[in-house]
Amino acid sequence: MDYDKYCKNLAVFAGGVLFGSAGVRLLTSRDAKKAYTHATAAALRMKESVMETVTTVQENAADILASAKDINARRAEAETAVEDTSDET
């Protein structure tokens, strides 16, 4: 029984070593490097696109914030004007 289990484990190990060696060779091949380069270039393009979108959103948020502050300032001025006229009467 133990001999069969030993042989099975040895065969699995040897298969793993062969598969790993083939995998390393495949991963370091010229075609694989070309694929990695294209994937990296695509990721950089995607990053640039995302950064442009983030910049646009930040600019829009700054515009919205400035408009909101203007609205609040005008509202505060209007409330002050109403209070001033009520004090005079």
PDB file of N, CA and C in Angstrom:
ATOM      1  N   MET A   1       0.822  -1.193   0.000  1.00  0.00           N
ATOM      2  CA  MET A   1       0.000   0.000   0.000  1.00  0.00           C
ATOM      3  C   MET A   1       0.862   1.252   0.000  1.00  0.00           C
ATOM      4  N   ASP A   2       1.828   1.301   0.904  1.00  0.00           N
ATOM      5  CA  ASP A   2       2.656   2.486   0.999  1.00  0.00           C
ATOM      6  C   ASP A   2       3.499   2.680  -0.258  1.00  0.00           C
ATOM      7  N   TYR A   3       3.904   1.594  -0.872  1.00  0.00           N
ATOM      8  CA  TYR A   3       4.704   1.682  -2.091  1.00  0.00           C
ATOM      9  C   TYR A   3       3.892   2.329  -3.209  1.00  0.00           C
ATOM     10  N   ASP A   4       2.609   1.974  -3.333  1.00  0.00           N
ATOM     11  CA  ASP A   4       1.746   2.570  -4.359  1.00  0.00           C
ATOM     12  C   ASP A   4       1.563   4.068  -4.116  1.00  0.00           C
ATOM     13  N   LYS A   5       1.374   4.432  -2.858  1.00  0.00           N
ATOM     14  CA  LYS A   5       1.196   5.844  -2.511  1.00  0.00           C
ATOM     15  C   LYS A   5       2.487   6.610  -2.808  1.00  0.00           C
ATOM     16  N   TYR A   6       3.634   6.011  -2.500  1.00  0.00           N
ATOM     17  CA  TYR A   6       4.937   6.626  -2.766  1.00  0.00           C
ATOM     18  C   TYR A   6       5.130   6.844  -4.261  1.00  0.00           C
ATOM     19  N   CYS A   7       4.824   5.828  -5.056  1.00  0.00           N
ATOM     20  CA  CYS A   7       4.971   5.943  -6.514  1.00  0.00           C
ATOM     21  C   CYS A   7       4.039   7.009  -7.077  1.00  0.00           C
ATOM     22  N   LYS A   8       2.832   7.064  -6.549  1.00  0.00           N
ATOM     23  CA  LYS A   8       1.869   8.071  -7.017  1.00  0.00           C
ATOM     24  C   LYS A   8       2.378   9.479  -6.685  1.00  0.00           C
ATOM     25  N   ASN A   9       2.861   9.670  -5.466  1.00  0.00           N
ATOM     26  CA  ASN A   9       3.388  10.978  -5.072  1.00  0.00           C
ATOM     27  C   ASN A   9       4.606  11.361  -5.902  1.00  0.00           C
ATOM     28  N   LEU A  10       5.463  10.385  -6.174  1.00  0.00           N
ATOM     29  CA  LEU A  10       6.646  10.637  -6.997  1.00  0.00           C
ATOM     30  C   LEU A  10       6.242  11.009  -8.420  1.00  0.00           C
ATOM     31  N   ALA A  11       5.260  10.338  -8.958  1.00  0.00           N
ATOM     32  CA  ALA A  11       4.790  10.646 -10.306  1.00  0.00           C
ATOM     33  C   ALA A  11       4.152  12.037 -10.364  1.00  0.00           C
ATOM     34  N   VAL A  12       3.394  12.377  -9.364  1.00  0.00           N
ATOM     35  CA  VAL A  12       2.783  13.716  -9.307  1.00  0.00           C
ATOM     36  C   VAL A  12       3.868  14.779  -9.216  1.00  0.00           C
ATOM     37  N   PHE A  13       4.877  14.540  -8.391  1.00  0.00           N
ATOM     38  CA  PHE A  13       5.988  15.489  -8.260  1.00  0.00           C
ATOM     39  C   PHE A  13       6.725  15.655  -9.585  1.00  0.00           C
ATOM     40  N   ALA A  14       7.043  14.545 -10.245  1.00  0.00           N
ATOM     41  CA  ALA A  14       7.763  14.604 -11.520  1.00  0.00           C
ATOM     42  C   ALA A  14       6.923  15.326 -12.574  1.00  0.00           C
ATOM     43  N   GLY A  15       5.639  15.047 -12.591  1.00  0.00           N
ATOM     44  CA  GLY A  15       4.750  15.751 -13.530  1.00  0.00           C
ATOM     45  C   GLY A  15       4.721  17.241 -13.246  1.00  0.00           C
ATOM     46  N   GLY A  16       4.693  17.606 -11.984  1.00  0.00           N
ATOM     47  CA  GLY A  16       4.710  19.021 -11.615  1.00  0.00           C
ATOM     48  C   GLY A  16       5.990  19.708 -12.037  1.00  0.00           C
ATOM     49  N   VAL A  17       7.110  19.018 -11.864  1.00  0.00           N
ATOM     50  CA  VAL A  17       8.397  19.585 -12.272  1.00  0.00           C
ATOM     51  C   VAL A  17       8.421  19.782 -13.786  1.00  0.00           C
ATOM     52  N   LEU A  18       7.964  18.797 -14.540  1.00  0.00           N
ATOM     53  CA  LEU A  18       7.940  18.926 -16.003  1.00  0.00           C
ATOM     54  C   LEU A  18       6.986  20.032 -16.441  1.00  0.00           C
ATOM     55  N   PHE A  19       5.825  20.078 -15.837  1.00  0.00           N
ATOM     56  CA  PHE A  19       4.850  21.110 -16.173  1.00  0.00           C
ATOM     57  C   PHE A  19       5.391  22.491 -15.813  1.00  0.00           C
ATOM     58  N   GLY A  20       6.042  22.593 -14.665  1.00  0.00           N
ATOM     59  CA  GLY A  20       6.633  23.866 -14.245  1.00  0.00           C
ATOM     60  C   GLY A  20       7.740  24.308 -15.169  1.00  0.00           C
ATOM     61  N   SER A  21       8.576  23.382 -15.590  1.00  0.00           N
ATOM     62  CA  SER A  21       9.661  23.721 -16.517  1.00  0.00           C
ATOM     63  C   SER A  21       9.108  24.197 -17.849  1.00  0.00           C
ATOM     64  N   ALA A  22       8.100  23.508 -18.333  1.00  0.00           N
ATOM     65  CA  ALA A  22       7.471  23.928 -19.589  1.00  0.00           C
ATOM     66  C   ALA A  22       6.800  25.290 -19.414  1.00  0.00           C
ATOM     67  N   GLY A  23       6.200  25.515 -18.264  1.00  0.00           N
ATOM     68  CA  GLY A  23       5.548  26.790 -17.990  1.00  0.00           C
ATOM     69  C   GLY A  23       6.541  27.934 -17.952  1.00  0.00           C
ATOM     70  N   VAL A  24       7.694  27.706 -17.317  1.00  0.00           N
ATOM     71  CA  VAL A  24       8.721  28.745 -17.253  1.00  0.00           C
ATOM     72  C   VAL A  24       9.221  29.053 -18.655  1.00  0.00           C
ATOM     73  N   ARG A  25       9.431  28.036 -19.437  1.00  0.00           N
ATOM     74  CA  ARG A  25       9.910  28.236 -20.797  1.00  0.00           C
ATOM     75  C   ARG A  25       8.864  28.997 -21.616  1.00  0.00           C
ATOM     76  N   LEU A  26       7.607  28.654 -21.414  1.00  0.00           N
ATOM     77  CA  LEU A  26       6.529  29.335 -22.130  1.00  0.00           C
ATOM     78  C   LEU A  26       6.431  30.791 -21.689  1.00  0.00           C
ATOM     79  N   LEU A  27       6.536  31.043 -20.390  1.00  0.00           N
ATOM     80  CA  LEU A  27       6.405  32.401 -19.875  1.00  0.00           C
ATOM     81  C   LEU A  27       7.560  33.309 -20.273  1.00  0.00           C
ATOM     82  N   THR A  28       8.725  32.738 -20.558  1.00  0.00           N
ATOM     83  CA  THR A  28       9.884  33.543 -20.940  1.00  0.00           C
ATOM     84  C   THR A  28      10.125  33.553 -22.434  1.00  0.00           C
ATOM     85  N   SER A  29       9.196  33.023 -23.212  1.00  0.00           N
ATOM     86  CA  SER A  29       9.379  33.000 -24.660  1.00  0.00           C
ATOM     87  C   SER A  29       9.198  34.398 -25.253  1.00  0.00           C
ATOM     88  N   ARG A  30       9.663  34.558 -26.476  1.00  0.00           N
ATOM     89  CA  ARG A  30       9.554  35.844 -27.172  1.00  0.00           C
ATOM     90  C   ARG A  30       8.099  36.257 -27.360  1.00  0.00           C
ATOM     91  N   ASP A  31       7.264  35.287 -27.728  1.00  0.00           N
ATOM     92  CA  ASP A  31       5.842  35.590 -27.928  1.00  0.00           C
ATOM     93  C   ASP A  31       5.177  36.033 -26.633  1.00  0.00           C
ATOM     94  N   ALA A  32       5.554  35.381 -25.526  1.00  0.00           N
ATOM     95  CA  ALA A  32       4.976  35.756 -24.237  1.00  0.00           C
ATOM     96  C   ALA A  32       5.410  37.166 -23.854  1.00  0.00           C
ATOM     97  N   LYS A  33       6.671  37.492 -24.080  1.00  0.00           N
ATOM     98  CA  LYS A  33       7.158  38.836 -23.766  1.00  0.00           C
ATOM     99  C   LYS A  33       6.435  39.880 -24.608  1.00  0.00           C
ATOM    100  N   LYS A  34       6.173  39.540 -25.855  1.00  0.00           N
ATOM    101  CA  LYS A  34       5.441  40.460 -26.729  1.00  0.00           C
ATOM    102  C   LYS A  34       4.023  40.668 -26.183  1.00  0.00           C
ATOM    103  N   ALA A  35       3.393  39.592 -25.731  1.00  0.00           N
ATOM    104  CA  ALA A  35       2.054  39.698 -25.154  1.00  0.00           C
ATOM    105  C   ALA A  35       2.076  40.526 -23.878  1.00  0.00           C
ATOM    106  N   TYR A  36       3.096  40.334 -23.028  1.00  0.00           N
ATOM    107  CA  TYR A  36       3.216  41.122 -21.807  1.00  0.00           C
ATOM    108  C   TYR A  36       3.372  42.610 -22.139  1.00  0.00           C
ATOM    109  N   THR A  37       4.164  42.892 -23.164  1.00  0.00           N
ATOM    110  CA  THR A  37       4.384  44.282 -23.568  1.00  0.00           C
ATOM    111  C   THR A  37       3.086  44.921 -24.034  1.00  0.00           C
ATOM    112  N   HIS A  38       2.324  44.204 -24.845  1.00  0.00           N
ATOM    113  CA  HIS A  38       1.046  44.742 -25.325  1.00  0.00           C
ATOM    114  C   HIS A  38       0.056  44.923 -24.167  1.00  0.00           C
ATOM    115  N   ALA A  39       0.040  43.990 -23.254  1.00  0.00           N
ATOM    116  CA  ALA A  39      -0.865  44.103 -22.105  1.00  0.00           C
ATOM    117  C   ALA A  39      -0.476  45.291 -21.228  1.00  0.00           C
ATOM    118  N   THR A  40       0.815  45.489 -21.030  1.00  0.00           N
ATOM    119  CA  THR A  40       1.281  46.627 -20.238  1.00  0.00           C
ATOM    120  C   THR A  40       0.951  47.946 -20.924  1.00  0.00           C
ATOM    121  N   ALA A  41       1.126  47.993 -22.240  1.00  0.00           N
ATOM    122  CA  ALA A  41       0.787  49.212 -22.992  1.00  0.00           C
ATOM    123  C   ALA A  41      -0.702  49.511 -22.878  1.00  0.00           C
ATOM    124  N   ALA A  42      -1.530  48.493 -22.946  1.00  0.00           N
ATOM    125  CA  ALA A  42      -2.977  48.688 -22.804  1.00  0.00           C
ATOM    126  C   ALA A  42      -3.312  49.184 -21.397  1.00  0.00           C
ATOM    127  N   ALA A  43      -2.646  48.646 -20.400  1.00  0.00           N
ATOM    128  CA  ALA A  43      -2.886  49.088 -19.025  1.00  0.00           C
ATOM    129  C   ALA A  43      -2.483  50.552 -18.843  1.00  0.00           C
ATOM    130  N   LEU A  44      -1.386  50.959 -19.461  1.00  0.00           N
ATOM    131  CA  LEU A  44      -0.965  52.353 -19.376  1.00  0.00           C
ATOM    132  C   LEU A  44      -1.957  53.283 -20.075  1.00  0.00           C
ATOM    133  N   ARG A  45      -2.484  52.838 -21.227  1.00  0.00           N
ATOM    134  CA  ARG A  45      -3.507  53.639 -21.920  1.00  0.00           C
ATOM    135  C   ARG A  45      -4.751  53.756 -21.054  1.00  0.00           C
ATOM    136  N   MET A  46      -5.143  52.672 -20.422  1.00  0.00           N
ATOM    137  CA  MET A  46      -6.317  52.680 -19.563  1.00  0.00           C
ATOM    138  C   MET A  46      -6.082  53.619 -18.374  1.00  0.00           C
ATOM    139  N   LYS A  47      -4.885  53.576 -17.797  1.00  0.00           N
ATOM    140  CA  LYS A  47      -4.558  54.451 -16.673  1.00  0.00           C
ATOM    141  C   LYS A  47      -4.676  55.904 -17.104  1.00  0.00           C
ATOM    142  N   GLU A  48      -4.161  56.240 -18.271  1.00  0.00           N
ATOM    143  CA  GLU A  48      -4.227  57.615 -18.770  1.00  0.00           C
ATOM    144  C   GLU A  48      -5.677  58.052 -18.950  1.00  0.00           C
ATOM    145  N   SER A  49      -6.488  57.167 -19.481  1.00  0.00           N
ATOM    146  CA  SER A  49      -7.908  57.482 -19.669  1.00  0.00           C
ATOM    147  C   SER A  49      -8.602  57.708 -18.331  1.00  0.00           C
ATOM    148  N   VAL A  50      -8.301  56.869 -17.366  1.00  0.00           N
ATOM    149  CA  VAL A  50      -8.902  57.012 -16.038  1.00  0.00           C
ATOM    150  C   VAL A  50      -8.460  58.321 -15.397  1.00  0.00           C
ATOM    151  N   MET A  51      -7.190  58.661 -15.536  1.00  0.00           N
ATOM    152  CA  MET A  51      -6.688  59.904 -14.949  1.00  0.00           C
ATOM    153  C   MET A  51      -7.343  61.122 -15.596  1.00  0.00           C
ATOM    154  N   GLU A  52      -7.595  61.089 -16.910  1.00  0.00           N
ATOM    155  CA  GLU A  52      -8.302  62.185 -17.574  1.00  0.00           C
ATOM    156  C   GLU A  52      -9.720  62.313 -17.024  1.00  0.00           C
ATOM    157  N   THR A  53     -10.377  61.182 -16.826  1.00  0.00           N
ATOM    158  CA  THR A  53     -11.730  61.197 -16.268  1.00  0.00           C
ATOM    159  C   THR A  53     -11.724  61.746 -14.846  1.00  0.00           C
ATOM    160  N   VAL A  54     -10.757  61.344 -14.039  1.00  0.00           N
ATOM    161  CA  VAL A  54     -10.653  61.831 -12.661  1.00  0.00           C
ATOM    162  C   VAL A  54     -10.436  63.340 -12.657  1.00  0.00           C
ATOM    163  N   THR A  55      -9.578  63.819 -13.540  1.00  0.00           N
ATOM    164  CA  THR A  55      -9.320  65.255 -13.620  1.00  0.00           C
ATOM    165  C   THR A  55     -10.587  66.012 -13.993  1.00  0.00           C
ATOM    166  N   THR A  56     -11.344  65.494 -14.942  1.00  0.00           N
ATOM    167  CA  THR A  56     -12.597  66.130 -15.348  1.00  0.00           C
ATOM    168  C   THR A  56     -13.589  66.167 -14.193  1.00  0.00           C
ATOM    169  N   VAL A  57     -13.703  65.064 -13.477  1.00  0.00           N
ATOM    170  CA  VAL A  57     -14.623  65.007 -12.337  1.00  0.00           C
ATOM    171  C   VAL A  57     -14.189  66.000 -11.261  1.00  0.00           C
ATOM    172  N   GLN A  58     -12.886  66.091 -10.996  1.00  0.00           N
ATOM    173  CA  GLN A  58     -12.393  67.028  -9.988  1.00  0.00           C
ATOM    174  C   GLN A  58     -12.687  68.468 -10.395  1.00  0.00           C
ATOM    175  N   GLU A  59     -12.487  68.782 -11.672  1.00  0.00           N
ATOM    176  CA  GLU A  59     -12.784  70.137 -12.144  1.00  0.00           C
ATOM    177  C   GLU A  59     -14.268  70.450 -12.008  1.00  0.00           C
ATOM    178  N   ASN A  60     -15.109  69.494 -12.370  1.00  0.00           N
ATOM    179  CA  ASN A  60     -16.554  69.703 -12.231  1.00  0.00           C
ATOM    180  C   ASN A  60     -16.948  69.865 -10.768  1.00  0.00           C
ATOM    181  N   ALA A  61     -16.336  69.084  -9.895  1.00  0.00           N
ATOM    182  CA  ALA A  61     -16.642  69.193  -8.464  1.00  0.00           C
ATOM    183  C   ALA A  61     -16.225  70.562  -7.935  1.00  0.00           C
ATOM    184  N   ALA A  62     -15.089  71.080  -8.393  1.00  0.00           N
ATOM    185  CA  ALA A  62     -14.643  72.404  -7.961  1.00  0.00           C
ATOM    186  C   ALA A  62     -15.617  73.474  -8.446  1.00  0.00           C
ATOM    187  N   ASP A  63     -16.111  73.342  -9.694  1.00  0.00           N
ATOM    188  CA  ASP A  63     -17.097  74.292 -10.218  1.00  0.00           C
ATOM    189  C   ASP A  63     -18.388  74.242  -9.412  1.00  0.00           C
ATOM    190  N   ILE A  64     -18.830  73.057  -9.086  1.00  0.00           N
ATOM    191  CA  ILE A  64     -20.058  72.888  -8.305  1.00  0.00           C
ATOM    192  C   ILE A  64     -19.886  73.506  -6.923  1.00  0.00           C
ATOM    193  N   LEU A  65     -18.748  73.266  -6.302  1.00  0.00           N
ATOM    194  CA  LEU A  65     -18.479  73.819  -4.974  1.00  0.00           C
ATOM    195  C   LEU A  65     -18.479  75.345  -5.020  1.00  0.00           C
ATOM    196  N   ALA A  66     -17.839  75.923  -6.028  1.00  0.00           N
ATOM    197  CA  ALA A  66     -17.804  77.384  -6.144  1.00  0.00           C
ATOM    198  C   ALA A  66     -19.219  77.936  -6.349  1.00  0.00           C
ATOM    199  N   SER A  67     -20.005  77.284  -7.176  1.00  0.00           N
ATOM    200  CA  SER A  67     -21.387  77.734  -7.398  1.00  0.00           C
ATOM    201  C   SER A  67     -22.204  77.624  -6.119  1.00  0.00           C
ATOM    202  N   ALA A  68     -22.038  76.573  -5.385  1.00  0.00           N
ATOM    203  CA  ALA A  68     -22.773  76.394  -4.128  1.00  0.00           C
ATOM    204  C   ALA A  68     -22.393  77.473  -3.122  1.00  0.00           C
ATOM    205  N   LYS A  69     -21.107  77.816  -3.052  1.00  0.00           N
ATOM    206  CA  LYS A  69     -20.675  78.887  -2.146  1.00  0.00           C
ATOM    207  C   LYS A  69     -21.276  80.226  -2.555  1.00  0.00           C
ATOM    208  N   ASP A  70     -21.348  80.480  -3.876  1.00  0.00           N
ATOM    209  CA  ASP A  70     -21.972  81.716  -4.363  1.00  0.00           C
ATOM    210  C   ASP A  70     -23.445  81.772  -3.980  1.00  0.00           C
ATOM    211  N   ILE A  71     -24.129  80.671  -4.156  1.00  0.00           N
ATOM    212  CA  ILE A  71     -25.553  80.612  -3.801  1.00  0.00           C
ATOM    213  C   ILE A  71     -25.738  80.895  -2.317  1.00  0.00           C
ATOM    214  N   ASN A  72     -24.929  80.273  -1.483  1.00  0.00           N
ATOM    215  CA  ASN A  72     -25.034  80.486  -0.036  1.00  0.00           C
ATOM    216  C   ASN A  72     -24.691  81.926   0.341  1.00  0.00           C
ATOM    217  N   ALA A  73     -23.706  82.523  -0.324  1.00  0.00           N
ATOM    218  CA  ALA A  73     -23.346  83.911  -0.025  1.00  0.00           C
ATOM    219  C   ALA A  73     -24.494  84.851  -0.404  1.00  0.00           C
ATOM    220  N   ARG A  74     -25.100  84.635  -1.584  1.00  0.00           N
ATOM    221  CA  ARG A  74     -26.240  85.467  -1.989  1.00  0.00           C
ATOM    222  C   ARG A  74     -27.423  85.285  -1.048  1.00  0.00           C
ATOM    223  N   ARG A  75     -27.634  84.053  -0.603  1.00  0.00           N
ATOM    224  CA  ARG A  75     -28.740  83.783   0.317  1.00  0.00           C
ATOM    225  C   ARG A  75     -28.505  84.479   1.661  1.00  0.00           C
ATOM    226  N   ALA A  76     -27.253  84.433   2.130  1.00  0.00           N
ATOM    227  CA  ALA A  76     -26.920  85.091   3.393  1.00  0.00           C
ATOM    228  C   ALA A  76     -27.104  86.605   3.261  1.00  0.00           C
ATOM    229  N   GLU A  77     -26.710  87.166   2.109  1.00  0.00           N
ATOM    230  CA  GLU A  77     -26.902  88.608   1.877  1.00  0.00           C
ATOM    231  C   GLU A  77     -28.385  88.953   1.859  1.00  0.00           C
ATOM    232  N   ALA A  78     -29.194  88.118   1.225  1.00  0.00           N
ATOM    233  CA  ALA A  78     -30.633  88.370   1.165  1.00  0.00           C
ATOM    234  C   ALA A  78     -31.247  88.299   2.560  1.00  0.00           C
ATOM    235  N   GLU A  79     -30.827  87.336   3.360  1.00  0.00           N
ATOM    236  CA  GLU A  79     -31.350  87.222   4.723  1.00  0.00           C
ATOM    237  C   GLU A  79     -30.922  88.422   5.559  1.00  0.00           C
ATOM    238  N   THR A  80     -29.708  88.885   5.368  1.00  0.00           N
ATOM    239  CA  THR A  80     -29.229  90.058   6.095  1.00  0.00           C
ATOM    240  C   THR A  80     -30.022  91.291   5.694  1.00  0.00           C
ATOM    241  N   ALA A  81     -30.316  91.411   4.405  1.00  0.00           N
ATOM    242  CA  ALA A  81     -31.096  92.554   3.921  1.00  0.00           C
ATOM    243  C   ALA A  81     -32.504  92.526   4.497  1.00  0.00           C
ATOM    244  N   VAL A  82     -33.103  91.346   4.597  1.00  0.00           N
ATOM    245  CA  VAL A  82     -34.449  91.225   5.159  1.00  0.00           C
ATOM    246  C   VAL A  82     -34.421  91.598   6.642  1.00  0.00           C
ATOM    247  N   GLU A  83     -33.397  91.162   7.365  1.00  0.00           N
ATOM    248  CA  GLU A  83     -33.276  91.490   8.774  1.00  0.00           C
ATOM    249  C   GLU A  83     -33.066  92.992   8.977  1.00  0.00           C
ATOM    250  N   ASP A  84     -32.286  93.617   8.105  1.00  0.00           N
ATOM    251  CA  ASP A  84     -32.040  95.055   8.205  1.00  0.00           C
ATOM    252  C   ASP A  84     -33.327  95.851   7.987  1.00  0.00           C
ATOM    253  N   THR A  85     -34.133  95.449   7.037  1.00  0.00           N
ATOM    254  CA  THR A  85     -35.361  96.173   6.777  1.00  0.00           C
ATOM    255  C   THR A  85     -36.371  95.951   7.901  1.00  0.00           C
ATOM    256  N   SER A  86     -36.352  94.793   8.515  1.00  0.00           N
ATOM    257  CA  SER A  86     -37.278  94.548   9.618  1.00  0.00           C
ATOM    258  C   SER A  86     -36.854  95.296  10.871  1.00  0.00           C
ATOM    259  N   ASP A  87     -35.567  95.545  11.044  1.00  0.00           N
ATOM    260  CA  ASP A  87     -35.066  96.305  12.188  1.00  0.00           C
ATOM    261  C   ASP A  87     -35.429  97.789  12.060  1.00  0.00           C
ATOM    262  N   GLU A  88     -35.501  98.290  10.833  1.00  0.00           N
ATOM    263  CA  GLU A  88     -35.784  99.713  10.610  1.00  0.00           C
ATOM    264  C   GLU A  88     -37.245 100.058  10.891  1.00  0.00           C
ATOM    265  N   THR A  89     -38.133  99.108  10.807  1.00  0.00           N
ATOM    266  CA  THR A  89     -39.548  99.399  11.028  1.00  0.00           C
ATOM    267  C   THR A  89     -39.952  99.321  12.455  1.00  0.00           C
TER     268      THR A  89
END
